[in-house]
């Protein structure tokens, strides 16, 4: 059950950036905030805190790594779409 919630949230993280394409620094900030909000929910569904910390990736639960990977994809998508798009 927990894994299916995490997978659904990971997909939401990686796809949330595509719905916020407008261009410019404000849109970029909104997009990144969206990524982080959904990533926080993904981590909560996995039963861990979403925080900035250094940890051994080999010791991390698989679901946490999936959340982190999805966050990276979402953030990269924001940077690619928002920073180089024309500002309306």
PDB file of N, CA and C in Angstrom:
ATOM      1  N   UNK A   1       0.823  -1.191   0.000  1.00  0.00           N
ATOM      2  CA  UNK A   1       0.000   0.000   0.000  1.00  0.00           C
ATOM      3  C   UNK A   1       0.865   1.252   0.000  1.00  0.00           C
ATOM      4  N   UNK A   2       1.838   1.288   0.897  1.00  0.00           N
ATOM      5  CA  UNK A   2       2.698   2.460   1.001  1.00  0.00           C
ATOM      6  C   UNK A   2       3.472   2.665  -0.293  1.00  0.00           C
ATOM      7  N   UNK A   3       3.956   1.584  -0.905  1.00  0.00           N
ATOM      8  CA  UNK A   3       4.730   1.689  -2.130  1.00  0.00           C
ATOM      9  C   UNK A   3       3.901   2.257  -3.275  1.00  0.00           C
ATOM     10  N   UNK A   4       2.625   1.883  -3.366  1.00  0.00           N
ATOM     11  CA  UNK A   4       1.791   2.411  -4.451  1.00  0.00           C
ATOM     12  C   UNK A   4       1.542   3.907  -4.265  1.00  0.00           C
ATOM     13  N   UNK A   5       1.394   4.355  -3.010  1.00  0.00           N
ATOM     14  CA  UNK A   5       1.235   5.791  -2.762  1.00  0.00           C
ATOM     15  C   UNK A   5       2.494   6.548  -3.150  1.00  0.00           C
ATOM     16  N   UNK A   6       3.630   5.985  -2.793  1.00  0.00           N
ATOM     17  CA  UNK A   6       4.910   6.630  -3.098  1.00  0.00           C
ATOM     18  C   UNK A   6       5.114   6.686  -4.606  1.00  0.00           C
ATOM     19  N   UNK A   7       4.801   5.608  -5.317  1.00  0.00           N
ATOM     20  CA  UNK A   7       4.953   5.608  -6.770  1.00  0.00           C
ATOM     21  C   UNK A   7       4.049   6.648  -7.414  1.00  0.00           C
ATOM     22  N   UNK A   8       2.825   6.759  -6.934  1.00  0.00           N
ATOM     23  CA  UNK A   8       1.899   7.758  -7.484  1.00  0.00           C
ATOM     24  C   UNK A   8       2.414   9.168  -7.225  1.00  0.00           C
ATOM     25  N   UNK A   9       2.943   9.408  -6.031  1.00  0.00           N
ATOM     26  CA  UNK A   9       3.482  10.729  -5.718  1.00  0.00           C
ATOM     27  C   UNK A   9       4.757  11.019  -6.497  1.00  0.00           C
ATOM     28  N   UNK A  10       5.574   9.994  -6.718  1.00  0.00           N
ATOM     29  CA  UNK A  10       6.793  10.187  -7.507  1.00  0.00           C
ATOM     30  C   UNK A  10       6.448  10.579  -8.937  1.00  0.00           C
ATOM     31  N   UNK A  11       5.415   9.971  -9.487  1.00  0.00           N
ATOM     32  CA  UNK A  11       4.970  10.328 -10.829  1.00  0.00           C
ATOM     33  C   UNK A  11       4.443  11.757 -10.830  1.00  0.00           C
ATOM     34  N   UNK A  12       3.722  12.121  -9.781  1.00  0.00           N
ATOM     35  CA  UNK A  12       3.194  13.488  -9.695  1.00  0.00           C
ATOM     36  C   UNK A  12       4.316  14.504  -9.613  1.00  0.00           C
ATOM     37  N   UNK A  13       5.385  14.176  -8.891  1.00  0.00           N
ATOM     38  CA  UNK A  13       6.524  15.093  -8.788  1.00  0.00           C
ATOM     39  C   UNK A  13       7.138  15.306 -10.158  1.00  0.00           C
ATOM     40  N   UNK A  14       7.361  14.220 -10.877  1.00  0.00           N
ATOM     41  CA  UNK A  14       8.038  14.359 -12.157  1.00  0.00           C
ATOM     42  C   UNK A  14       7.166  14.991 -13.225  1.00  0.00           C
ATOM     43  N   UNK A  15       5.844  14.965 -13.051  1.00  0.00           N
ATOM     44  CA  UNK A  15       4.981  15.558 -14.067  1.00  0.00           C
ATOM     45  C   UNK A  15       4.430  16.923 -13.664  1.00  0.00           C
ATOM     46  N   UNK A  16       4.652  17.345 -12.432  1.00  0.00           N
ATOM     47  CA  UNK A  16       4.067  18.608 -11.986  1.00  0.00           C
ATOM     48  C   UNK A  16       4.668  19.809 -12.694  1.00  0.00           C
ATOM     49  N   UNK A  17       5.901  19.709 -13.119  1.00  0.00           N
ATOM     50  CA  UNK A  17       6.549  20.835 -13.779  1.00  0.00           C
ATOM     51  C   UNK A  17       5.899  21.155 -15.120  1.00  0.00           C
ATOM     52  N   UNK A  18       5.402  20.152 -15.808  1.00  0.00           N
ATOM     53  CA  UNK A  18       4.886  20.382 -17.153  1.00  0.00           C
ATOM     54  C   UNK A  18       3.620  21.236 -17.163  1.00  0.00           C
ATOM     55  N   UNK A  19       2.917  21.324 -16.051  1.00  0.00           N
ATOM     56  CA  UNK A  19       1.683  22.103 -16.022  1.00  0.00           C
ATOM     57  C   UNK A  19       1.914  23.574 -15.675  1.00  0.00           C
ATOM     58  N   UNK A  20       3.149  23.965 -15.396  1.00  0.00           N
ATOM     59  CA  UNK A  20       3.427  25.325 -14.954  1.00  0.00           C
ATOM     60  C   UNK A  20       4.312  26.110 -15.920  1.00  0.00           C
ATOM     61  N   UNK A  21       4.275  25.778 -17.197  1.00  0.00           N
ATOM     62  CA  UNK A  21       5.149  26.436 -18.155  1.00  0.00           C
ATOM     63  C   UNK A  21       4.625  27.821 -18.501  1.00  0.00           C
ATOM     64  N   UNK A  22       5.339  28.855 -18.097  1.00  0.00           N
ATOM     65  CA  UNK A  22       5.017  30.227 -18.461  1.00  0.00           C
ATOM     66  C   UNK A  22       6.293  30.991 -18.767  1.00  0.00           C
ATOM     67  N   UNK A  23       7.375  30.629 -18.160  1.00  0.00           N
ATOM     68  CA  UNK A  23       8.651  31.275 -18.402  1.00  0.00           C
ATOM     69  C   UNK A  23       8.952  32.345 -17.373  1.00  0.00           C
ATOM     70  N   UNK A  24      10.232  32.545 -17.135  1.00  0.00           N
ATOM     71  CA  UNK A  24      10.676  33.595 -16.243  1.00  0.00           C
ATOM     72  C   UNK A  24      10.988  33.117 -14.847  1.00  0.00           C
ATOM     73  N   UNK A  25      11.657  33.969 -14.061  1.00  0.00           N
ATOM     74  CA  UNK A  25      12.108  33.576 -12.730  1.00  0.00           C
ATOM     75  C   UNK A  25      10.973  33.324 -11.738  1.00  0.00           C
ATOM     76  N   UNK A  26       9.871  34.037 -11.852  1.00  0.00           N
ATOM     77  CA  UNK A  26       8.759  33.796 -10.922  1.00  0.00           C
ATOM     78  C   UNK A  26       8.139  32.435 -11.198  1.00  0.00           C
ATOM     79  N   UNK A  27       7.948  32.123 -12.466  1.00  0.00           N
ATOM     80  CA  UNK A  27       7.401  30.819 -12.828  1.00  0.00           C
ATOM     81  C   UNK A  27       8.351  29.701 -12.419  1.00  0.00           C
ATOM     82  N   UNK A  28       9.647  29.950 -12.542  1.00  0.00           N
ATOM     83  CA  UNK A  28      10.639  28.965 -12.114  1.00  0.00           C
ATOM     84  C   UNK A  28      10.510  28.687 -10.618  1.00  0.00           C
ATOM     85  N   UNK A  29      10.374  29.729  -9.830  1.00  0.00           N
ATOM     86  CA  UNK A  29      10.208  29.553  -8.384  1.00  0.00           C
ATOM     87  C   UNK A  29       8.934  28.796  -8.043  1.00  0.00           C
ATOM     88  N   UNK A  30       7.851  29.103  -8.747  1.00  0.00           N
ATOM     89  CA  UNK A  30       6.589  28.393  -8.525  1.00  0.00           C
ATOM     90  C   UNK A  30       6.740  26.922  -8.895  1.00  0.00           C
ATOM     91  N   UNK A  31       7.414  26.671 -10.004  1.00  0.00           N
ATOM     92  CA  UNK A  31       7.619  25.295 -10.453  1.00  0.00           C
ATOM     93  C   UNK A  31       8.447  24.509  -9.434  1.00  0.00           C
ATOM     94  N   UNK A  32       9.543  25.100  -8.957  1.00  0.00           N
ATOM     95  CA  UNK A  32      10.392  24.416  -7.976  1.00  0.00           C
ATOM     96  C   UNK A  32       9.641  24.186  -6.661  1.00  0.00           C
ATOM     97  N   UNK A  33       8.835  25.152  -6.261  1.00  0.00           N
ATOM     98  CA  UNK A  33       8.034  24.990  -5.044  1.00  0.00           C
ATOM     99  C   UNK A  33       7.056  23.841  -5.203  1.00  0.00           C
ATOM    100  N   UNK A  34       6.466  23.739  -6.370  1.00  0.00           N
ATOM    101  CA  UNK A  34       5.555  22.631  -6.652  1.00  0.00           C
ATOM    102  C   UNK A  34       6.286  21.300  -6.556  1.00  0.00           C
ATOM    103  N   UNK A  35       7.458  21.223  -7.137  1.00  0.00           N
ATOM    104  CA  UNK A  35       8.259  19.989  -7.065  1.00  0.00           C
ATOM    105  C   UNK A  35       8.546  19.609  -5.612  1.00  0.00           C
ATOM    106  N   UNK A  36       8.974  20.589  -4.818  1.00  0.00           N
ATOM    107  CA  UNK A  36       9.330  20.322  -3.426  1.00  0.00           C
ATOM    108  C   UNK A  36       8.116  19.962  -2.574  1.00  0.00           C
ATOM    109  N   UNK A  37       6.976  20.572  -2.860  1.00  0.00           N
ATOM    110  CA  UNK A  37       5.757  20.258  -2.114  1.00  0.00           C
ATOM    111  C   UNK A  37       5.334  18.814  -2.345  1.00  0.00           C
ATOM    112  N   UNK A  38       5.338  18.411  -3.598  1.00  0.00           N
ATOM    113  CA  UNK A  38       4.943  17.037  -3.913  1.00  0.00           C
ATOM    114  C   UNK A  38       5.992  16.050  -3.407  1.00  0.00           C
ATOM    115  N   UNK A  39       7.269  16.423  -3.458  1.00  0.00           N
ATOM    116  CA  UNK A  39       8.320  15.557  -2.930  1.00  0.00           C
ATOM    117  C   UNK A  39       8.167  15.375  -1.419  1.00  0.00           C
ATOM    118  N   UNK A  40       7.782  16.447  -0.733  1.00  0.00           N
ATOM    119  CA  UNK A  40       7.521  16.338   0.704  1.00  0.00           C
ATOM    120  C   UNK A  40       6.390  15.366   0.991  1.00  0.00           C
ATOM    121  N   UNK A  41       5.343  15.411   0.174  1.00  0.00           N
ATOM    122  CA  UNK A  41       4.238  14.460   0.337  1.00  0.00           C
ATOM    123  C   UNK A  41       4.686  13.045   0.019  1.00  0.00           C
ATOM    124  N   UNK A  42       5.548  12.908  -0.970  1.00  0.00           N
ATOM    125  CA  UNK A  42       6.079  11.591  -1.326  1.00  0.00           C
ATOM    126  C   UNK A  42       6.875  11.006  -0.153  1.00  0.00           C
ATOM    127  N   UNK A  43       7.736  11.814   0.440  1.00  0.00           N
ATOM    128  CA  UNK A  43       8.512  11.355   1.595  1.00  0.00           C
ATOM    129  C   UNK A  43       7.594  11.037   2.781  1.00  0.00           C
ATOM    130  N   UNK A  44       6.574  11.856   2.997  1.00  0.00           N
ATOM    131  CA  UNK A  44       5.639  11.595   4.096  1.00  0.00           C
ATOM    132  C   UNK A  44       4.917  10.271   3.884  1.00  0.00           C
ATOM    133  N   UNK A  45       4.535   9.985   2.636  1.00  0.00           N
ATOM    134  CA  UNK A  45       3.876   8.711   2.344  1.00  0.00           C
ATOM    135  C   UNK A  45       4.816   7.533   2.588  1.00  0.00           C
ATOM    136  N   UNK A  46       6.128   7.790   2.438  1.00  0.00           N
ATOM    137  CA  UNK A  46       7.120   6.749   2.703  1.00  0.00           C
ATOM    138  C   UNK A  46       7.427   6.630   4.191  1.00  0.00           C
ATOM    139  N   UNK A  47       6.923   7.588   4.978  1.00  0.00           N
ATOM    140  CA  UNK A  47       7.131   7.535   6.422  1.00  0.00           C
ATOM    141  C   UNK A  47       8.432   8.149   6.888  1.00  0.00           C
ATOM    142  N   UNK A  48       9.025   9.026   6.069  1.00  0.00           N
ATOM    143  CA  UNK A  48      10.269   9.691   6.454  1.00  0.00           C
ATOM    144  C   UNK A  48      10.105  11.191   6.302  1.00  0.00           C
ATOM    145  N   UNK A  49      10.962  11.947   6.969  1.00  0.00           N
ATOM    146  CA  UNK A  49      10.920  13.407   6.894  1.00  0.00           C
ATOM    147  C   UNK A  49      11.612  13.873   5.622  1.00  0.00           C
ATOM    148  N   UNK A  50      11.069  14.893   4.998  1.00  0.00           N
ATOM    149  CA  UNK A  50      11.681  15.507   3.822  1.00  0.00           C
ATOM    150  C   UNK A  50      12.489  16.686   4.315  1.00  0.00           C
ATOM    151  N   UNK A  51      13.801  16.538   4.325  1.00  0.00           N
ATOM    152  CA  UNK A  51      14.676  17.587   4.831  1.00  0.00           C
ATOM    153  C   UNK A  51      15.999  17.515   4.093  1.00  0.00           C
ATOM    154  N   UNK A  52      16.756  18.567   4.205  1.00  0.00           N
ATOM    155  CA  UNK A  52      18.070  18.576   3.587  1.00  0.00           C
ATOM    156  C   UNK A  52      19.047  17.902   4.538  1.00  0.00           C
ATOM    157  N   UNK A  53      19.528  16.743   4.147  1.00  0.00           N
ATOM    158  CA  UNK A  53      20.511  16.048   4.965  1.00  0.00           C
ATOM    159  C   UNK A  53      21.363  15.167   4.062  1.00  0.00           C
ATOM    160  N   UNK A  54      22.552  14.891   4.519  1.00  0.00           N
ATOM    161  CA  UNK A  54      23.446  14.008   3.792  1.00  0.00           C
ATOM    162  C   UNK A  54      23.317  12.633   4.419  1.00  0.00           C
ATOM    163  N   UNK A  55      23.065  11.637   3.589  1.00  0.00           N
ATOM    164  CA  UNK A  55      22.949  10.288   4.105  1.00  0.00           C
ATOM    165  C   UNK A  55      23.568   9.327   3.112  1.00  0.00           C
ATOM    166  N   UNK A  56      23.823   8.146   3.564  1.00  0.00           N
ATOM    167  CA  UNK A  56      24.380   7.091   2.726  1.00  0.00           C
ATOM    168  C   UNK A  56      23.269   6.542   1.844  1.00  0.00           C
ATOM    169  N   UNK A  57      23.362   6.754   0.546  1.00  0.00           N
ATOM    170  CA  UNK A  57      22.306   6.312  -0.376  1.00  0.00           C
ATOM    171  C   UNK A  57      22.105   4.801  -0.325  1.00  0.00           C
ATOM    172  N   UNK A  58      23.157   4.053  -0.024  1.00  0.00           N
ATOM    173  CA  UNK A  58      23.029   2.598   0.043  1.00  0.00           C
ATOM    174  C   UNK A  58      22.165   2.177   1.230  1.00  0.00           C
ATOM    175  N   UNK A  59      22.111   3.003   2.273  1.00  0.00           N
ATOM    176  CA  UNK A  59      21.335   2.672   3.467  1.00  0.00           C
ATOM    177  C   UNK A  59      19.916   3.233   3.406  1.00  0.00           C
ATOM    178  N   UNK A  60      19.633   4.068   2.419  1.00  0.00           N
ATOM    179  CA  UNK A  60      18.311   4.698   2.323  1.00  0.00           C
ATOM    180  C   UNK A  60      17.281   3.692   1.813  1.00  0.00           C
ATOM    181  N   UNK A  61      16.048   3.786   2.319  1.00  0.00           N
ATOM    182  CA  UNK A  61      14.993   2.919   1.797  1.00  0.00           C
ATOM    183  C   UNK A  61      14.762   3.192   0.307  1.00  0.00           C
ATOM    184  N   UNK A  62      14.396   2.162  -0.424  1.00  0.00           N
ATOM    185  CA  UNK A  62      14.196   2.272  -1.863  1.00  0.00           C
ATOM    186  C   UNK A  62      13.157   3.338  -2.219  1.00  0.00           C
ATOM    187  N   UNK A  63      12.104   3.447  -1.412  1.00  0.00           N
ATOM    188  CA  UNK A  63      11.052   4.427  -1.716  1.00  0.00           C
ATOM    189  C   UNK A  63      11.573   5.855  -1.597  1.00  0.00           C
ATOM    190  N   UNK A  64      12.487   6.096  -0.669  1.00  0.00           N
ATOM    191  CA  UNK A  64      13.077   7.426  -0.516  1.00  0.00           C
ATOM    192  C   UNK A  64      13.912   7.763  -1.747  1.00  0.00           C
ATOM    193  N   UNK A  65      14.644   6.785  -2.252  1.00  0.00           N
ATOM    194  CA  UNK A  65      15.447   7.012  -3.452  1.00  0.00           C
ATOM    195  C   UNK A  65      14.553   7.323  -4.649  1.00  0.00           C
ATOM    196  N   UNK A  66      13.395   6.672  -4.732  1.00  0.00           N
ATOM    197  CA  UNK A  66      12.454   6.959  -5.819  1.00  0.00           C
ATOM    198  C   UNK A  66      11.908   8.383  -5.698  1.00  0.00           C
ATOM    199  N   UNK A  67      11.581   8.798  -4.486  1.00  0.00           N
ATOM    200  CA  UNK A  67      11.116  10.181  -4.272  1.00  0.00           C
ATOM    201  C   UNK A  67      12.191  11.179  -4.678  1.00  0.00           C
ATOM    202  N   UNK A  68      13.431  10.914  -4.276  1.00  0.00           N
ATOM    203  CA  UNK A  68      14.535  11.813  -4.590  1.00  0.00           C
ATOM    204  C   UNK A  68      14.796  11.868  -6.095  1.00  0.00           C
ATOM    205  N   UNK A  69      14.708  10.718  -6.743  1.00  0.00           N
ATOM    206  CA  UNK A  69      14.917  10.672  -8.188  1.00  0.00           C
ATOM    207  C   UNK A  69      13.834  11.473  -8.915  1.00  0.00           C
ATOM    208  N   UNK A  70      12.599  11.303  -8.489  1.00  0.00           N
ATOM    209  CA  UNK A  70      11.497  12.047  -9.102  1.00  0.00           C
ATOM    210  C   UNK A  70      11.653  13.550  -8.871  1.00  0.00           C
ATOM    211  N   UNK A  71      12.108  13.944  -7.689  1.00  0.00           N
ATOM    212  CA  UNK A  71      12.347  15.359  -7.407  1.00  0.00           C
ATOM    213  C   UNK A  71      13.430  15.910  -8.328  1.00  0.00           C
ATOM    214  N   UNK A  72      14.474  15.144  -8.544  1.00  0.00           N
ATOM    215  CA  UNK A  72      15.534  15.572  -9.446  1.00  0.00           C
ATOM    216  C   UNK A  72      15.031  15.767 -10.865  1.00  0.00           C
ATOM    217  N   UNK A  73      14.191  14.857 -11.333  1.00  0.00           N
ATOM    218  CA  UNK A  73      13.612  14.967 -12.680  1.00  0.00           C
ATOM    219  C   UNK A  73      12.727  16.203 -12.775  1.00  0.00           C
ATOM    220  N   UNK A  74      11.915  16.417 -11.767  1.00  0.00           N
ATOM    221  CA  UNK A  74      11.018  17.565 -11.758  1.00  0.00           C
ATOM    222  C   UNK A  74      11.819  18.866 -11.750  1.00  0.00           C
ATOM    223  N   UNK A  75      12.829  18.953 -10.908  1.00  0.00           N
ATOM    224  CA  UNK A  75      13.645  20.166 -10.816  1.00  0.00           C
ATOM    225  C   UNK A  75      14.378  20.437 -12.119  1.00  0.00           C
ATOM    226  N   UNK A  76      14.893  19.384 -12.743  1.00  0.00           N
ATOM    227  CA  UNK A  76      15.581  19.528 -14.020  1.00  0.00           C
ATOM    228  C   UNK A  76      14.607  20.013 -15.093  1.00  0.00           C
ATOM    229  N   UNK A  77      13.387  19.503 -15.060  1.00  0.00           N
ATOM    230  CA  UNK A  77      12.372  19.919 -16.018  1.00  0.00           C
ATOM    231  C   UNK A  77      12.032  21.394 -15.825  1.00  0.00           C
ATOM    232  N   UNK A  78      11.909  21.820 -14.574  1.00  0.00           N
ATOM    233  CA  UNK A  78      11.646  23.244 -14.298  1.00  0.00           C
ATOM    234  C   UNK A  78      12.748  24.107 -14.876  1.00  0.00           C
ATOM    235  N   UNK A  79      13.971  23.725 -14.638  1.00  0.00           N
ATOM    236  CA  UNK A  79      15.099  24.525 -15.111  1.00  0.00           C
ATOM    237  C   UNK A  79      15.113  24.595 -16.626  1.00  0.00           C
ATOM    238  N   UNK A  80      14.839  23.494 -17.273  1.00  0.00           N
ATOM    239  CA  UNK A  80      14.859  23.471 -18.728  1.00  0.00           C
ATOM    240  C   UNK A  80      13.730  24.269 -19.353  1.00  0.00           C
ATOM    241  N   UNK A  81      12.567  24.226 -18.752  1.00  0.00           N
ATOM    242  CA  UNK A  81      11.410  24.897 -19.335  1.00  0.00           C
ATOM    243  C   UNK A  81      11.284  26.345 -18.888  1.00  0.00           C
ATOM    244  N   UNK A  82      11.554  26.625 -17.649  1.00  0.00           N
ATOM    245  CA  UNK A  82      11.300  27.942 -17.098  1.00  0.00           C
ATOM    246  C   UNK A  82      12.419  28.938 -17.334  1.00  0.00           C
ATOM    247  N   UNK A  83      13.647  28.528 -17.165  1.00  0.00           N
ATOM    248  CA  UNK A  83      14.747  29.474 -17.253  1.00  0.00           C
ATOM    249  C   UNK A  83      15.054  29.900 -18.692  1.00  0.00           C
ATOM    250  N   UNK A  84      14.701  29.059 -19.653  1.00  0.00           N
ATOM    251  CA  UNK A  84      15.016  29.374 -21.045  1.00  0.00           C
ATOM    252  C   UNK A  84      13.778  29.740 -21.858  1.00  0.00           C
ATOM    253  N   UNK A  85      12.618  29.770 -21.220  1.00  0.00           N
ATOM    254  CA  UNK A  85      11.389  30.150 -21.909  1.00  0.00           C
ATOM    255  C   UNK A  85      11.244  31.668 -21.876  1.00  0.00           C
ATOM    256  N   UNK A  86      10.552  32.206 -22.848  1.00  0.00           N
ATOM    257  CA  UNK A  86      10.344  33.657 -22.819  1.00  0.00           C
ATOM    258  C   UNK A  86       9.422  34.059 -21.672  1.00  0.00           C
ATOM    259  N   UNK A  87       9.695  35.196 -21.073  1.00  0.00           N
ATOM    260  CA  UNK A  87       8.873  35.702 -19.983  1.00  0.00           C
ATOM    261  C   UNK A  87       7.669  36.440 -20.574  1.00  0.00           C
ATOM    262  N   UNK A  88       6.443  36.059 -20.164  1.00  0.00           N
ATOM    263  CA  UNK A  88       5.260  36.727 -20.727  1.00  0.00           C
ATOM    264  C   UNK A  88       5.121  38.152 -20.212  1.00  0.00           C
TER     265      UNK A  88
END
